[in-house]
N, C-alpha and C. Protein backbone atom coordinates (compact mmCIF):
# COMPACT_ATOMS: atom_id res chain seq x y z
N MET A 1 91.56 -31.34 55.86
CA MET A 1 91.40 -29.98 56.14
C MET A 1 92.97 -28.91 56.25
N HIS A 2 93.75 -29.93 56.15
CA HIS A 2 95.57 -29.10 56.07
C HIS A 2 95.95 -29.43 54.51
N ALA A 3 95.89 -30.80 53.49
CA ALA A 3 96.03 -30.73 52.52
C ALA A 3 96.08 -30.07 51.18
N GLY A 4 97.02 -29.11 50.76
CA GLY A 4 95.90 -28.55 49.81
C GLY A 4 96.05 -27.39 50.40
N ARG A 5 96.28 -27.03 51.41
CA ARG A 5 95.77 -25.07 51.75
C ARG A 5 97.12 -23.98 51.95
N VAL A 6 97.90 -23.71 50.20
CA VAL A 6 98.84 -23.12 50.37
C VAL A 6 98.21 -22.26 50.20
N ASN A 7 97.09 -21.61 49.62
CA ASN A 7 96.44 -20.64 49.63
C ASN A 7 95.70 -19.98 50.58
N ARG A 8 95.23 -20.69 51.78
CA ARG A 8 93.90 -21.00 52.80
C ARG A 8 94.34 -20.52 54.30
N GLY A 9 93.54 -19.68 54.22
CA GLY A 9 93.99 -18.76 55.78
C GLY A 9 94.51 -19.85 56.55
N ARG A 10 94.27 -19.45 58.22
CA ARG A 10 94.33 -20.39 59.15
C ARG A 10 94.01 -20.17 60.23
N LEU A 11 92.87 -21.37 60.71
CA LEU A 11 91.83 -20.97 61.98
C LEU A 11 92.89 -21.78 63.16
N ILE A 12 92.74 -20.53 63.84
CA ILE A 12 93.01 -20.55 64.99
C ILE A 12 92.44 -20.10 66.49
N ALA A 13 91.34 -21.38 66.86
CA ALA A 13 90.52 -21.10 68.04
C ALA A 13 91.30 -20.75 69.14
N PHE A 14 90.48 -19.77 70.30
CA PHE A 14 91.39 -20.16 71.52
C PHE A 14 90.11 -21.21 72.66
N GLU A 15 90.36 -21.45 73.50
CA GLU A 15 89.72 -22.28 74.93
C GLU A 15 89.95 -22.08 75.59
N GLY A 16 89.10 -22.49 76.83
CA GLY A 16 89.29 -21.68 78.26
C GLY A 16 87.95 -21.07 78.92
N LEU A 17 88.32 -21.73 80.05
CA LEU A 17 86.90 -21.06 80.96
C LEU A 17 87.64 -19.11 81.25
N ASP A 18 86.40 -18.33 81.27
CA ASP A 18 86.49 -17.53 81.29
C ASP A 18 87.25 -17.17 82.78
N GLY A 19 87.94 -15.77 81.97
CA GLY A 19 88.62 -15.19 83.40
C GLY A 19 89.96 -16.13 82.46
N SER A 20 90.38 -16.70 81.50
CA SER A 20 91.74 -17.58 81.78
C SER A 20 92.32 -16.62 80.27
N GLY A 21 91.69 -15.07 80.36
CA GLY A 21 92.54 -14.10 79.40
C GLY A 21 92.62 -14.53 78.24
N LYS A 22 91.44 -15.42 77.41
CA LYS A 22 91.18 -15.41 76.13
C LYS A 22 91.39 -14.38 74.71
N SER A 23 90.49 -13.11 75.74
CA SER A 23 89.95 -11.92 74.58
C SER A 23 91.56 -11.24 74.88
N THR A 24 92.35 -11.36 76.50
CA THR A 24 93.56 -10.77 75.91
C THR A 24 94.25 -11.28 74.95
N GLN A 25 94.85 -12.12 75.36
CA GLN A 25 95.86 -12.92 74.05
C GLN A 25 95.22 -12.69 72.67
N ILE A 26 94.35 -12.91 72.37
CA ILE A 26 93.55 -12.91 71.25
C ILE A 26 94.31 -11.31 70.19
N SER A 27 93.98 -10.33 71.25
CA SER A 27 93.63 -9.01 71.09
C SER A 27 95.30 -8.62 70.62
N ARG A 28 95.93 -9.95 71.01
CA ARG A 28 97.91 -9.47 71.33
C ARG A 28 98.34 -9.88 69.79
N LEU A 29 97.55 -10.90 70.25
CA LEU A 29 98.17 -12.41 68.80
C LEU A 29 96.96 -11.44 67.55
N ALA A 30 96.22 -10.85 67.65
CA ALA A 30 96.36 -10.75 66.31
C ALA A 30 96.97 -9.23 65.60
N GLU A 31 97.19 -8.01 66.88
CA GLU A 31 98.29 -7.23 66.11
C GLU A 31 99.22 -7.55 65.92
N SER A 32 99.74 -9.07 66.79
CA SER A 32 101.23 -8.64 65.80
C SER A 32 101.07 -9.83 64.58
N LEU A 33 99.88 -9.87 64.09
CA LEU A 33 100.22 -10.60 63.02
C LEU A 33 100.30 -9.78 61.87
N ARG A 34 98.79 -8.76 62.75
CA ARG A 34 98.43 -7.18 61.50
C ARG A 34 100.23 -6.87 61.92
N LYS A 35 100.96 -6.91 62.29
CA LYS A 35 102.10 -5.68 62.38
C LYS A 35 102.79 -6.68 60.54
N ALA A 36 102.96 -8.08 61.46
CA ALA A 36 103.18 -8.77 60.23
C ALA A 36 102.74 -8.88 58.51
N GLY A 37 101.92 -7.99 58.46
CA GLY A 37 101.22 -7.50 57.66
C GLY A 37 99.86 -8.97 56.85
N HIS A 38 99.40 -9.24 57.41
CA HIS A 38 98.25 -10.12 58.06
C HIS A 38 97.01 -10.33 57.90
N ASP A 39 95.98 -10.30 57.05
CA ASP A 39 94.76 -9.64 57.24
C ASP A 39 93.99 -10.51 58.08
N VAL A 40 94.11 -10.04 59.47
CA VAL A 40 93.25 -10.93 60.77
C VAL A 40 92.25 -10.84 60.77
N VAL A 41 91.35 -11.83 60.53
CA VAL A 41 89.98 -12.20 61.10
C VAL A 41 89.12 -11.98 62.81
N VAL A 42 89.17 -11.70 63.29
CA VAL A 42 88.79 -11.96 64.51
C VAL A 42 87.33 -11.85 64.89
N THR A 43 87.01 -12.89 65.57
CA THR A 43 85.67 -13.57 65.72
C THR A 43 85.62 -14.38 67.22
N ALA A 44 84.31 -14.19 67.53
CA ALA A 44 83.97 -14.92 68.62
C ALA A 44 82.27 -16.29 68.38
N GLU A 45 82.16 -16.42 69.33
CA GLU A 45 81.88 -17.66 69.91
C GLU A 45 80.90 -17.72 71.04
N PRO A 46 79.87 -17.11 71.33
CA PRO A 46 78.06 -17.59 70.64
C PRO A 46 78.36 -15.69 70.10
N THR A 47 78.05 -15.99 69.07
CA THR A 47 77.95 -14.71 67.89
C THR A 47 76.17 -13.84 68.13
N ASP A 48 76.89 -13.19 67.15
CA ASP A 48 75.13 -11.39 67.84
C ASP A 48 73.94 -12.11 66.94
N GLY A 49 74.10 -13.55 66.13
CA GLY A 49 73.34 -14.27 64.57
C GLY A 49 72.51 -14.48 66.03
N GLU A 50 71.07 -15.05 65.50
CA GLU A 50 69.99 -16.07 66.14
C GLU A 50 70.18 -16.77 67.30
N PHE A 51 70.61 -17.32 66.91
CA PHE A 51 71.25 -18.31 68.23
C PHE A 51 72.11 -18.23 68.88
N GLY A 52 72.92 -17.38 68.15
CA GLY A 52 73.95 -16.95 69.60
C GLY A 52 73.30 -15.49 70.51
N ARG A 53 72.44 -14.76 69.69
CA ARG A 53 71.23 -14.13 70.95
C ARG A 53 70.35 -14.66 71.95
N LEU A 54 69.98 -15.84 71.30
CA LEU A 54 69.62 -16.91 72.43
C LEU A 54 70.34 -17.37 73.37
N ILE A 55 71.37 -17.86 72.92
CA ILE A 55 72.16 -18.58 74.62
C ILE A 55 72.60 -17.04 74.90
N ARG A 56 72.76 -16.22 74.63
CA ARG A 56 73.33 -14.86 75.28
C ARG A 56 72.57 -14.71 76.72
N ALA A 57 71.02 -14.67 76.30
CA ALA A 57 70.22 -14.34 76.97
C ALA A 57 69.62 -15.19 78.51
N MET A 58 70.13 -16.43 77.38
CA MET A 58 70.25 -17.61 78.10
C MET A 58 70.82 -17.24 79.64
N ALA A 59 72.41 -17.38 78.53
CA ALA A 59 73.39 -17.22 80.22
C ALA A 59 73.78 -16.37 81.14
N SER A 60 73.39 -14.95 80.79
CA SER A 60 72.28 -14.06 81.57
C SER A 60 71.14 -13.86 82.66
N GLY A 61 70.64 -15.28 82.71
CA GLY A 61 69.35 -14.82 82.79
C GLY A 61 68.01 -14.34 82.21
N ARG A 62 68.00 -13.49 81.39
CA ARG A 62 67.57 -13.10 81.09
C ARG A 62 66.42 -13.27 80.28
N ALA A 63 66.95 -15.03 80.21
CA ALA A 63 65.49 -15.62 79.56
C ALA A 63 65.94 -16.75 79.76
N PRO A 64 64.79 -18.05 80.02
CA PRO A 64 65.11 -19.15 81.33
C PRO A 64 65.86 -20.27 80.62
N ARG A 65 66.25 -21.57 81.30
CA ARG A 65 67.33 -22.36 80.62
C ARG A 65 66.35 -23.43 80.13
N VAL A 66 66.80 -24.04 78.79
CA VAL A 66 66.20 -25.08 77.86
C VAL A 66 67.33 -26.34 78.54
N ALA A 67 66.68 -27.45 78.48
CA ALA A 67 67.10 -28.77 78.61
C ALA A 67 68.19 -29.00 77.07
N PRO A 68 69.60 -29.91 78.14
CA PRO A 68 70.48 -29.59 77.40
C PRO A 68 70.67 -30.11 75.94
N GLU A 69 69.31 -30.87 75.77
CA GLU A 69 69.86 -30.66 73.82
C GLU A 69 69.07 -30.03 73.52
N GLU A 70 67.99 -29.08 73.97
CA GLU A 70 68.18 -27.45 73.09
C GLU A 70 69.73 -26.80 73.10
N GLU A 71 69.64 -26.48 74.04
CA GLU A 71 71.04 -25.86 73.95
C GLU A 71 72.11 -26.26 73.23
N LEU A 72 72.04 -28.02 73.28
CA LEU A 72 73.47 -27.71 72.13
C LEU A 72 72.88 -27.61 70.48
N ARG A 73 71.44 -27.92 70.26
CA ARG A 73 71.07 -27.43 69.30
C ARG A 73 71.46 -26.06 68.66
N TRP A 74 71.16 -24.96 70.08
CA TRP A 74 71.94 -23.65 69.91
C TRP A 74 72.90 -22.82 69.25
N PHE A 75 73.70 -23.69 70.47
CA PHE A 75 75.33 -23.71 69.44
C PHE A 75 76.04 -24.63 68.25
N VAL A 76 75.23 -25.67 68.32
CA VAL A 76 75.82 -25.64 66.76
C VAL A 76 74.67 -25.44 65.72
N GLU A 77 74.20 -24.31 66.21
CA GLU A 77 72.85 -23.73 64.64
C GLU A 77 73.98 -22.63 64.14
N ASP A 78 74.30 -22.28 65.26
CA ASP A 78 74.39 -20.44 66.10
C ASP A 78 76.64 -20.69 64.96
N ARG A 79 76.73 -21.70 65.59
CA ARG A 79 78.45 -22.20 64.52
C ARG A 79 77.77 -22.72 63.04
N ARG A 80 76.81 -23.42 62.88
CA ARG A 80 77.13 -22.97 60.86
C ARG A 80 76.36 -22.40 60.82
N GLU A 81 75.99 -20.63 61.26
CA GLU A 81 76.28 -19.81 60.40
C GLU A 81 76.91 -18.61 60.93
N HIS A 82 77.78 -18.81 61.57
CA HIS A 82 79.13 -18.34 62.47
C HIS A 82 80.13 -19.03 60.95
N VAL A 83 80.49 -20.02 60.87
CA VAL A 83 81.24 -20.74 59.77
C VAL A 83 81.07 -20.43 58.62
N ALA A 84 79.62 -20.33 58.07
CA ALA A 84 79.45 -19.72 56.90
C ALA A 84 79.28 -18.97 56.67
N SER A 85 78.94 -17.48 57.61
CA SER A 85 79.61 -16.31 57.01
C SER A 85 80.76 -15.66 56.98
N CYS A 86 81.70 -16.26 57.82
CA CYS A 86 82.18 -15.82 58.87
C CYS A 86 83.70 -16.42 58.11
N ILE A 87 84.07 -18.14 59.17
CA ILE A 87 84.85 -18.20 59.10
C ILE A 87 85.17 -18.75 58.01
N GLU A 88 84.76 -19.20 57.64
CA GLU A 88 85.06 -19.97 55.79
C GLU A 88 85.04 -19.26 54.60
N PRO A 89 84.45 -17.77 54.32
CA PRO A 89 84.88 -17.33 53.63
C PRO A 89 86.10 -16.29 53.53
N ALA A 90 86.54 -16.53 54.93
CA ALA A 90 87.40 -15.36 55.39
C ALA A 90 88.98 -16.35 55.17
N LEU A 91 88.60 -17.55 55.67
CA LEU A 91 89.75 -18.79 54.71
C LEU A 91 89.76 -18.69 53.92
N ALA A 92 88.88 -19.42 52.86
CA ALA A 92 89.37 -19.58 51.20
C ALA A 92 89.59 -17.67 51.21
N ALA A 93 89.70 -16.73 51.27
CA ALA A 93 90.49 -15.51 50.79
C ALA A 93 91.81 -15.35 51.79
N GLY A 94 91.66 -16.68 52.30
CA GLY A 94 93.84 -16.60 53.00
C GLY A 94 93.64 -16.27 54.10
N ARG A 95 93.00 -15.56 55.16
CA ARG A 95 93.40 -14.35 56.40
C ARG A 95 93.06 -15.78 57.14
N PRO A 96 94.19 -14.90 58.16
CA PRO A 96 93.72 -15.95 59.05
C PRO A 96 92.83 -15.72 59.88
N VAL A 97 92.08 -16.35 60.89
CA VAL A 97 90.80 -16.25 61.98
C VAL A 97 91.02 -16.37 62.60
N LEU A 98 91.74 -15.59 63.85
CA LEU A 98 91.18 -16.45 65.40
C LEU A 98 90.11 -16.16 65.94
N THR A 99 89.09 -16.98 66.56
CA THR A 99 88.17 -17.15 67.06
C THR A 99 88.00 -17.28 68.52
N ASP A 100 87.47 -16.35 69.63
CA ASP A 100 87.52 -17.13 70.87
C ASP A 100 85.81 -18.09 71.12
N ARG A 101 86.83 -18.84 71.34
CA ARG A 101 85.57 -19.94 71.63
C ARG A 101 85.11 -20.78 70.22
N TYR A 102 85.54 -21.73 69.87
CA TYR A 102 85.04 -22.76 69.03
C TYR A 102 84.43 -24.21 69.75
N TYR A 103 84.43 -25.23 68.51
CA TYR A 103 83.51 -26.43 69.44
C TYR A 103 84.11 -27.05 70.33
N LEU A 104 84.98 -26.93 71.04
CA LEU A 104 86.19 -27.65 71.66
C LEU A 104 84.87 -26.79 73.34
N SER A 105 85.07 -25.40 72.78
CA SER A 105 84.42 -25.18 74.21
C SER A 105 82.72 -25.79 74.55
N THR A 106 81.90 -26.46 73.31
CA THR A 106 80.82 -26.78 72.85
C THR A 106 80.60 -28.65 73.76
N VAL A 107 82.19 -29.37 73.51
CA VAL A 107 82.13 -30.30 74.43
C VAL A 107 82.85 -30.48 75.17
N ALA A 108 82.46 -29.56 75.99
CA ALA A 108 83.10 -29.51 77.38
C ALA A 108 82.11 -29.06 78.00
N TYR A 109 81.56 -28.08 77.55
CA TYR A 109 79.83 -27.08 78.57
C TYR A 109 78.84 -28.36 78.16
N GLN A 110 78.42 -28.26 76.76
CA GLN A 110 77.58 -29.34 76.86
C GLN A 110 77.70 -30.63 77.53
N GLY A 111 79.12 -30.78 77.33
CA GLY A 111 79.19 -32.91 77.40
C GLY A 111 79.05 -32.05 79.23
N ALA A 112 79.59 -30.69 80.30
CA ALA A 112 79.12 -31.30 81.61
C ALA A 112 78.14 -30.69 81.63
N ALA A 113 77.05 -30.28 81.12
CA ALA A 113 75.79 -30.47 81.39
C ALA A 113 74.66 -31.96 81.07
N GLY A 114 76.12 -33.45 80.90
CA GLY A 114 75.44 -34.55 81.20
C GLY A 114 75.62 -34.83 79.04
N LEU A 115 75.31 -34.09 78.49
CA LEU A 115 75.55 -34.89 77.22
C LEU A 115 76.80 -35.71 77.07
N ASP A 116 77.13 -36.49 75.82
CA ASP A 116 78.19 -37.40 75.46
C ASP A 116 79.38 -36.57 74.72
N PRO A 117 80.40 -36.11 75.72
CA PRO A 117 81.63 -35.12 75.31
C PRO A 117 81.89 -35.81 73.44
N ALA A 118 82.00 -36.84 73.53
CA ALA A 118 82.77 -37.22 72.28
C ALA A 118 82.55 -37.70 71.48
N ARG A 119 80.85 -38.00 71.95
CA ARG A 119 80.00 -37.57 70.73
C ARG A 119 80.64 -36.25 69.82
N ILE A 120 79.87 -35.11 70.47
CA ILE A 120 79.99 -33.71 69.86
C ILE A 120 81.14 -33.92 69.51
N LEU A 121 82.60 -34.15 69.77
CA LEU A 121 82.95 -34.01 69.14
C LEU A 121 83.57 -34.44 68.20
N ALA A 122 83.22 -35.82 68.16
CA ALA A 122 83.29 -36.34 66.39
C ALA A 122 82.37 -35.91 65.46
N GLU A 123 81.47 -34.93 66.15
CA GLU A 123 80.11 -34.49 65.18
C GLU A 123 80.54 -33.39 64.66
N SER A 124 81.82 -32.84 65.70
CA SER A 124 81.54 -30.96 65.15
C SER A 124 83.18 -31.43 64.28
N GLU A 125 84.03 -32.35 64.22
CA GLU A 125 85.03 -32.56 63.63
C GLU A 125 84.70 -33.01 62.20
N ALA A 126 83.78 -33.51 61.59
CA ALA A 126 82.60 -34.34 60.89
C ALA A 126 82.58 -33.01 59.73
N GLU A 127 81.51 -32.07 61.20
CA GLU A 127 81.04 -31.27 59.96
C GLU A 127 81.86 -29.88 59.63
N PHE A 128 82.47 -29.19 61.09
CA PHE A 128 83.01 -28.17 61.07
C PHE A 128 84.32 -28.08 60.47
N PRO A 129 85.18 -27.18 59.90
CA PRO A 129 86.39 -27.15 59.82
C PRO A 129 87.33 -27.28 61.05
N ILE A 130 88.73 -27.43 60.11
CA ILE A 130 88.86 -28.80 62.24
C ILE A 130 89.96 -27.44 62.61
N PRO A 131 90.30 -27.06 63.10
CA PRO A 131 91.37 -26.43 63.95
C PRO A 131 92.89 -26.17 62.68
N ASP A 132 93.69 -25.21 62.76
CA ASP A 132 94.81 -25.49 62.40
C ASP A 132 95.43 -25.95 63.22
N LEU A 133 94.94 -24.87 64.50
CA LEU A 133 95.96 -24.74 65.60
C LEU A 133 94.53 -24.33 66.99
N ALA A 134 93.96 -24.67 67.93
CA ALA A 134 93.48 -24.53 68.98
C ALA A 134 94.50 -24.64 70.35
N ILE A 135 94.24 -23.16 71.00
CA ILE A 135 95.66 -22.93 72.59
C ILE A 135 93.86 -22.93 73.44
N LEU A 136 94.01 -23.53 74.23
CA LEU A 136 93.31 -24.28 75.42
C LEU A 136 94.16 -23.07 76.83
N LEU A 137 93.88 -22.52 76.75
CA LEU A 137 94.08 -21.81 77.75
C LEU A 137 93.86 -22.52 79.46
N ASP A 138 95.19 -23.03 80.06
CA ASP A 138 94.53 -23.62 81.33
C ASP A 138 95.01 -23.14 82.23
N LEU A 139 93.68 -23.28 83.03
CA LEU A 139 93.48 -21.97 84.06
C LEU A 139 92.62 -23.03 84.94
N ASP A 140 93.26 -22.65 86.59
CA ASP A 140 92.46 -23.99 87.20
C ASP A 140 90.90 -22.93 88.17
N VAL A 141 90.38 -23.24 88.37
CA VAL A 141 88.69 -22.76 88.24
C VAL A 141 88.35 -21.76 89.90
N GLU A 142 89.47 -22.14 90.58
CA GLU A 142 89.10 -21.08 91.60
C GLU A 142 89.50 -19.41 91.09
N THR A 143 90.82 -19.26 90.00
CA THR A 143 91.59 -18.06 89.90
C THR A 143 90.83 -17.78 88.78
N ALA A 144 90.22 -18.71 87.68
CA ALA A 144 89.18 -17.84 86.67
C ALA A 144 88.09 -17.28 87.12
N LEU A 145 87.19 -17.80 88.54
CA LEU A 145 86.25 -17.10 88.88
C LEU A 145 86.52 -15.56 89.75
N ALA A 146 88.15 -16.08 90.42
CA ALA A 146 88.00 -14.54 91.26
C ALA A 146 89.33 -13.57 90.06
N ARG A 147 89.08 -13.90 89.36
CA ARG A 147 89.31 -12.86 87.70
C ARG A 147 88.64 -12.42 87.32
N VAL A 148 87.51 -13.01 87.34
CA VAL A 148 86.06 -12.92 86.47
C VAL A 148 85.45 -11.46 87.68
N LEU A 149 85.73 -11.39 88.83
CA LEU A 149 84.94 -11.41 89.33
C LEU A 149 85.63 -9.81 89.69
N ALA A 150 86.75 -10.02 89.64
CA ALA A 150 88.12 -9.16 89.51
C ALA A 150 88.07 -7.94 88.31
N ARG A 151 87.06 -8.35 87.65
CA ARG A 151 87.19 -7.37 86.60
C ARG A 151 85.94 -6.71 86.38
N GLY A 152 84.70 -7.16 87.28
CA GLY A 152 83.64 -6.53 87.80
C GLY A 152 82.40 -7.22 87.03
N ALA A 153 82.74 -8.58 85.87
CA ALA A 153 81.83 -8.92 85.39
C ALA A 153 80.81 -10.02 86.51
N PRO A 154 79.13 -9.65 85.85
CA PRO A 154 79.08 -10.85 86.69
C PRO A 154 79.05 -12.33 86.54
N LEU A 155 79.21 -13.27 86.74
CA LEU A 155 78.89 -14.80 86.85
C LEU A 155 78.13 -15.32 85.93
N GLU A 156 78.19 -15.83 85.14
CA GLU A 156 76.69 -15.72 84.27
C GLU A 156 76.28 -18.19 85.00
N GLY A 157 74.55 -17.29 85.16
CA GLY A 157 74.85 -19.00 86.60
C GLY A 157 74.44 -19.71 85.64
N ALA A 158 74.14 -19.81 83.83
CA ALA A 158 73.99 -20.81 83.24
C ALA A 158 75.40 -21.41 82.74
N PHE A 159 76.09 -21.43 83.32
CA PHE A 159 77.46 -21.41 81.75
C PHE A 159 78.75 -21.09 83.59
N GLU A 160 78.36 -20.73 84.43
CA GLU A 160 79.86 -20.60 85.53
C GLU A 160 79.00 -21.00 86.73
N ALA A 161 78.14 -21.17 87.17
CA ALA A 161 78.42 -22.14 88.55
C ALA A 161 79.63 -22.74 88.97
N ARG A 162 80.01 -23.45 90.24
CA ARG A 162 81.23 -24.04 90.14
C ARG A 162 81.78 -25.18 89.89
N GLU A 163 80.15 -25.54 90.34
CA GLU A 163 80.42 -26.95 90.38
C GLU A 163 80.32 -27.59 88.47
N ARG A 164 80.01 -26.65 87.65
CA ARG A 164 79.75 -27.61 86.88
C ARG A 164 80.16 -26.34 85.75
N LEU A 165 81.71 -25.82 86.08
CA LEU A 165 82.81 -25.15 85.79
C LEU A 165 83.95 -26.31 85.61
N GLU A 166 83.88 -27.18 87.28
CA GLU A 166 84.64 -28.61 87.70
C GLU A 166 85.05 -29.22 86.57
N ARG A 167 83.52 -29.52 86.10
CA ARG A 167 83.44 -31.00 84.98
C ARG A 167 83.47 -30.24 83.73
N VAL A 168 83.70 -28.91 83.71
CA VAL A 168 83.43 -28.61 81.85
C VAL A 168 85.52 -28.54 81.85
N ALA A 169 85.94 -28.19 83.11
CA ALA A 169 87.24 -28.15 83.02
C ALA A 169 88.26 -29.46 83.22
N LYS A 170 87.42 -30.73 83.89
CA LYS A 170 88.03 -32.27 83.37
C LYS A 170 87.88 -32.41 81.91
N ILE A 171 86.96 -32.37 81.65
CA ILE A 171 86.10 -32.73 79.99
C ILE A 171 87.89 -32.08 79.32
N LEU A 172 87.94 -30.42 79.44
CA LEU A 172 88.75 -29.90 79.09
C LEU A 172 90.72 -30.84 79.56
N ARG A 173 90.56 -31.61 80.49
CA ARG A 173 91.60 -31.97 80.75
C ARG A 173 91.40 -32.92 79.98
N GLN A 174 91.15 -34.32 79.46
CA GLN A 174 90.52 -35.05 79.14
C GLN A 174 91.00 -35.01 77.17
N VAL A 175 90.19 -33.86 76.94
CA VAL A 175 90.44 -33.76 75.14
C VAL A 175 91.78 -34.53 74.69
N GLU A 176 91.84 -35.14 73.95
CA GLU A 176 93.70 -35.19 73.64
C GLU A 176 93.34 -34.62 71.51
N ARG A 177 93.97 -34.01 70.69
CA ARG A 177 93.88 -33.90 69.94
C ARG A 177 94.77 -32.85 69.46
N GLU A 178 96.07 -33.68 68.29
CA GLU A 178 97.30 -32.58 67.99
C GLU A 178 97.51 -31.54 67.52
N TYR A 179 96.39 -30.63 67.22
CA TYR A 179 95.75 -29.40 67.20
C TYR A 179 95.78 -28.60 67.73
N LEU A 180 95.79 -29.15 69.24
CA LEU A 180 95.32 -29.02 70.64
C LEU A 180 96.37 -28.70 71.33
N THR A 181 96.72 -27.30 71.96
CA THR A 181 97.77 -26.88 72.97
C THR A 181 97.29 -26.40 73.98
N ARG A 182 98.10 -27.02 75.53
CA ARG A 182 97.60 -26.21 75.79
C ARG A 182 98.79 -25.72 76.87
N ILE A 183 98.20 -24.64 76.94
CA ILE A 183 98.95 -23.75 77.55
C ILE A 183 98.60 -23.00 79.09
N ASP A 184 99.59 -22.58 80.44
CA ASP A 184 99.48 -22.34 81.33
C ASP A 184 99.30 -20.79 81.81
N ALA A 185 97.85 -20.54 81.89
CA ALA A 185 97.47 -19.46 81.53
C ALA A 185 97.95 -18.57 82.78
N SER A 186 98.28 -19.21 84.19
CA SER A 186 98.71 -18.82 85.47
C SER A 186 99.61 -17.48 85.50
N CYS A 187 100.50 -17.88 84.34
CA CYS A 187 102.10 -17.31 84.22
C CYS A 187 101.36 -15.37 83.97
N GLY A 188 102.41 -15.12 83.79
CA GLY A 188 101.91 -13.67 83.51
C GLY A 188 101.09 -13.33 82.12
N GLU A 189 100.89 -12.00 81.88
CA GLU A 189 100.27 -12.02 80.70
C GLU A 189 101.18 -12.19 80.16
N ASP A 190 102.30 -11.84 79.64
CA ASP A 190 103.44 -10.98 78.82
C ASP A 190 104.16 -12.67 78.74
N ALA A 191 104.00 -13.35 78.90
CA ALA A 191 104.77 -15.15 79.28
C ALA A 191 103.74 -16.08 78.25
N VAL A 192 102.44 -15.44 78.54
CA VAL A 192 101.49 -16.18 77.77
C VAL A 192 101.38 -16.07 76.29
N ALA A 193 101.54 -15.40 76.69
CA ALA A 193 101.58 -14.07 74.54
C ALA A 193 102.90 -14.56 74.05
N ARG A 194 104.29 -14.31 75.48
CA ARG A 194 105.30 -15.24 74.18
C ARG A 194 105.29 -16.53 74.20
N VAL A 195 104.50 -17.32 75.11
CA VAL A 195 104.72 -19.43 74.11
C VAL A 195 103.70 -18.98 73.19
N ILE A 196 102.12 -18.38 73.32
CA ILE A 196 101.50 -18.67 71.83
C ILE A 196 102.18 -18.30 70.52
N ALA A 197 102.75 -16.69 70.43
CA ALA A 197 103.63 -16.50 69.09
C ALA A 197 104.60 -17.62 69.06
N ALA A 198 104.91 -17.97 70.20
CA ALA A 198 105.93 -19.51 69.01
C ALA A 198 105.22 -20.82 69.21
N GLN A 199 104.28 -20.48 69.88
CA GLN A 199 103.13 -21.72 69.17
C GLN A 199 103.13 -21.77 67.40
N VAL A 200 102.50 -20.76 67.77
CA VAL A 200 101.81 -19.89 65.75
C VAL A 200 103.50 -19.94 64.92
N ARG A 201 104.27 -19.92 65.38
CA ARG A 201 105.52 -19.32 64.24
C ARG A 201 105.42 -20.70 64.49
N GLU A 202 106.05 -21.95 65.28
CA GLU A 202 106.65 -23.33 65.00
C GLU A 202 105.80 -24.05 63.93
N GLN A 203 104.44 -23.85 64.63
CA GLN A 203 102.88 -24.83 64.19
C GLN A 203 102.12 -24.57 63.37
N LEU A 204 102.68 -22.92 62.66
CA LEU A 204 101.67 -22.43 61.80
C LEU A 204 102.66 -21.51 60.23
N GLY A 205 103.94 -21.54 61.18
CA GLY A 205 104.69 -20.36 60.64
C GLY A 205 104.32 -18.96 60.28
N LEU A 206 103.16 -18.40 61.31
CA LEU A 206 103.27 -17.23 60.83
C LEU A 206 103.61 -16.78 62.26
N PRO A 207 103.95 -15.44 61.99
CA PRO A 207 103.54 -14.73 61.82
C PRO A 207 104.86 -14.63 60.63
């Protein structure tokens, strides 16, 4: 993915529990990159496509739960559409892409549902563009849940049960990849933004 990419855009994935500050930090980084003249694409998973809508309906309780294998299939199909319609065209055009969640979320959340995280990771890396930088905003489960509740957002029963989130956090702690950078999300918003900016600058040469 990285060789011969002089004119190719950069893919930056933000990962972490809900409440870790992904949306806020993506917005701040996108603003900084745009001020530096970059034509940034901001996107997210699940998408608003067919499979993304199924996932959102299940997560919110508007649709029944499905078996973990089917849940995984939905996420993979949603990502295939996302990569084909959004991520790859933007990268080919030389645009930086910031995505709120990518395949490391699937590794952790579907791994927490009982599937094999290592297999999901290997299959994801074999099929999808590997991020130039994956930023994991690391936050303990208690603080993450408290932040979600504080902003008035309902907890998603399918994915935000405390026991499942503990398993998600454990899997995320175990993932080791050269492109993965962990950042302490318990610091203030400005401090986290400064660390992210430094990582993007040092590792990718942006902005």
